[in-house]
Amino acid sequence: MKIPGLRVNGVERQVPAEPNTPLLYVLRNDLGLKGARFGCGEGHCGACTVLLDGRAVQSCDVPLWSAEGHDITTIEGIGDGTALHPVQQAFIDHQAAQCGYCSNGIVMAAVALLDRVPDPTDDEIRAALDRNLCRCGAHARVLRAIRSAATAMARSRTT
């Protein structure tokens, strides 16, 4: 069965999958988008976070049928093709990733937050990342990176 109306990173896609297939499996296996990672498979760790209509969701917990007709953005779709997204750049600049397994999910949650709250407090950042688990100990650098990205994004809006 093909699911019509799946819009991923701005491109309409049809995939041969059952409606209850987790979105994560379709992104990785059918569309070759490996940025969303399999972690727990139960929507608890955040490694598979993508944006669904701009909202951060755990794609392992989203059945394909519920994504139909919505805008899905993966980490592969947040840059402009010539430059990294400001959050991605800030993660590099602040060395906010250690092992890197959870980083893509954290970046996506941060992008959703900054699109919604351009100048978040540390508490708002922590709350937005609550569903993203990281055991590397890079939390302080992650906070600095997200604050830095917020500043960079604010500057680009005024120029």
Protein backbone atom coordinates (compact mmCIF):
# COMPACT_ATOMS: atom_id res chain seq x y z
CA MET A 1 0.00 0.00 0.00
CA LYS A 2 1.29 3.47 -0.84
CA ILE A 3 0.67 6.35 1.49
CA PRO A 4 0.01 9.50 -0.57
CA GLY A 5 0.50 13.02 0.67
CA LEU A 6 3.63 12.48 2.72
CA ARG A 7 5.55 15.77 2.52
CA VAL A 8 9.13 15.40 3.76
CA ASN A 9 11.54 18.34 3.68
CA GLY A 10 9.25 20.12 1.24
CA VAL A 11 8.97 17.22 -1.22
CA GLU A 12 5.81 15.17 -1.78
CA ARG A 13 6.58 11.48 -1.36
CA GLN A 14 4.73 8.22 -1.77
CA VAL A 15 6.01 5.24 0.13
CA PRO A 16 5.14 1.55 0.00
CA ALA A 17 4.26 1.06 3.65
CA GLU A 18 1.43 0.01 5.88
CA PRO A 19 -0.44 2.87 7.57
CA ASN A 20 0.66 1.79 11.07
CA THR A 21 4.36 1.73 10.16
CA PRO A 22 6.30 4.12 12.40
CA LEU A 23 7.32 7.28 10.56
CA LEU A 24 10.92 6.69 11.69
CA TYR A 25 11.12 3.44 9.71
CA VAL A 26 9.84 5.11 6.56
CA LEU A 27 12.25 8.04 6.90
CA ARG A 28 15.27 5.80 7.41
CA ASN A 29 14.47 2.69 5.38
CA ASP A 30 12.32 3.94 2.50
CA LEU A 31 13.54 7.51 2.07
CA GLY A 32 17.17 7.06 3.13
CA LEU A 33 17.05 9.92 5.64
CA LYS A 34 19.29 8.61 8.41
CA GLY A 35 19.37 11.73 10.62
CA ALA A 36 16.49 10.59 12.81
CA ARG A 37 17.95 7.73 14.80
CA PHE A 38 16.42 4.69 16.44
CA GLY A 39 16.92 4.84 20.18
CA CYS A 40 14.28 3.34 22.44
CA GLY A 41 11.51 2.73 19.88
CA GLU A 42 8.93 3.93 22.42
CA GLY A 43 9.05 7.73 22.12
CA HIS A 44 11.02 8.24 25.34
CA CYS A 45 14.59 9.11 24.30
CA GLY A 46 14.21 11.72 21.53
CA ALA A 47 16.91 10.35 19.21
CA CYS A 48 14.30 10.14 16.43
CA THR A 49 12.90 13.68 16.85
CA VAL A 50 11.61 15.36 13.69
CA LEU A 51 9.30 18.30 13.11
CA LEU A 52 5.69 17.63 12.25
CA ASP A 53 4.11 20.92 11.16
CA GLY A 54 6.88 22.65 13.10
CA ARG A 55 6.30 20.70 16.32
CA ALA A 56 8.99 18.39 17.70
CA VAL A 57 7.72 14.78 17.75
CA GLN A 58 9.34 11.40 18.27
CA SER A 59 9.02 9.75 14.86
CA CYS A 60 9.23 6.21 16.28
CA ASP A 61 5.90 6.89 17.97
CA VAL A 62 4.12 8.46 14.97
CA PRO A 63 2.18 6.02 12.77
CA LEU A 64 2.50 6.83 9.09
CA TRP A 65 -1.24 7.40 8.68
CA SER A 66 -1.12 10.31 11.16
CA ALA A 67 1.67 12.04 9.22
CA GLU A 68 -0.22 12.04 5.94
CA GLY A 69 -0.93 15.58 4.73
CA HIS A 70 1.46 17.17 7.22
CA ASP A 71 4.83 18.84 6.77
CA ILE A 72 7.62 16.63 8.06
CA THR A 73 11.07 18.15 8.50
CA THR A 74 14.12 16.08 9.31
CA ILE A 75 17.57 17.32 10.20
CA GLU A 76 18.47 16.90 6.53
CA GLY A 77 15.88 19.58 5.71
CA ILE A 78 16.69 22.37 8.16
CA GLY A 79 19.70 23.93 6.43
CA ASP A 80 19.28 25.95 3.26
CA GLY A 81 21.48 23.74 1.09
CA THR A 82 24.47 26.06 1.25
CA ALA A 83 24.74 26.71 5.00
CA LEU A 84 23.93 24.91 8.20
CA HIS A 85 20.94 25.96 10.27
CA PRO A 86 22.05 28.35 13.07
CA VAL A 87 21.38 25.64 15.67
CA GLN A 88 23.60 23.18 13.81
CA GLN A 89 26.35 25.79 13.53
CA ALA A 90 26.06 26.66 17.21
CA PHE A 91 26.38 22.99 18.18
CA ILE A 92 29.64 22.85 16.25
CA ASP A 93 30.90 26.19 17.59
CA HIS A 94 30.15 25.23 21.21
CA GLN A 95 31.16 21.57 20.87
CA ALA A 96 27.71 20.63 22.15
CA ALA A 97 27.86 17.04 20.94
CA GLN A 98 30.01 14.34 22.44
CA CYS A 99 29.10 10.92 21.09
CA GLY A 100 26.57 12.55 18.74
CA TYR A 101 23.89 9.86 18.86
CA CYS A 102 21.24 12.08 20.46
CA SER A 103 22.44 15.35 18.92
CA ASN A 104 20.19 15.32 15.87
CA GLY A 105 17.10 14.91 18.03
CA ILE A 106 18.23 17.68 20.37
CA VAL A 107 18.93 19.98 17.42
CA MET A 108 15.44 19.34 16.04
CA ALA A 109 13.81 20.02 19.42
CA ALA A 110 15.85 23.24 19.66
CA VAL A 111 14.80 24.34 16.16
CA ALA A 112 11.14 23.82 17.08
CA LEU A 113 11.63 25.79 20.30
CA LEU A 114 13.40 28.73 18.64
CA ASP A 115 10.76 28.92 15.92
CA ARG A 116 8.13 29.20 18.66
CA VAL A 117 10.10 31.17 21.31
CA PRO A 118 12.83 33.32 19.73
CA ASP A 119 14.51 34.25 23.04
CA PRO A 120 13.93 31.35 25.43
CA THR A 121 15.03 31.24 29.04
CA ASP A 122 17.22 28.40 30.27
CA ASP A 123 14.13 26.87 31.90
CA GLU A 124 12.25 27.01 28.58
CA ILE A 125 15.20 25.35 26.83
CA ARG A 126 15.35 22.62 29.47
CA ALA A 127 11.60 22.04 29.18
CA ALA A 128 11.81 21.82 25.37
CA LEU A 129 14.60 19.24 25.65
CA ASP A 130 12.89 17.24 28.39
CA ARG A 131 12.08 14.35 26.02
CA ASN A 132 15.65 14.15 24.69
CA LEU A 133 17.95 11.90 26.70
CA CYS A 134 21.71 12.40 26.63
CA ARG A 135 24.17 10.64 28.85
CA CYS A 136 27.34 12.36 27.63
CA GLY A 137 27.30 15.29 30.00
CA ALA A 138 27.29 18.02 27.35
CA HIS A 139 24.21 19.71 28.81
CA ALA A 140 25.88 23.03 29.67
CA ARG A 141 27.34 23.26 26.16
CA VAL A 142 23.93 22.42 24.66
CA LEU A 143 22.34 25.30 26.59
CA ARG A 144 25.10 27.68 25.47
CA ALA A 145 24.72 26.54 21.87
CA ILE A 146 20.96 27.06 21.85
CA ARG A 147 21.28 30.53 23.41
CA SER A 148 23.94 31.36 20.82
CA ALA A 149 21.70 30.14 17.99
CA ALA A 150 18.83 32.26 19.34
CA THR A 151 21.09 35.32 19.23
CA ALA A 152 22.26 34.52 15.70
CA MET A 153 18.70 33.99 14.51
CA ALA A 154 17.59 37.28 16.09
CA ARG A 155 20.44 39.09 14.32
CA SER A 156 19.46 37.60 10.96
CA ARG A 157 15.84 38.69 11.42
CA THR A 158 16.91 42.31 11.93
CA THR A 159 19.25 42.46 8.92
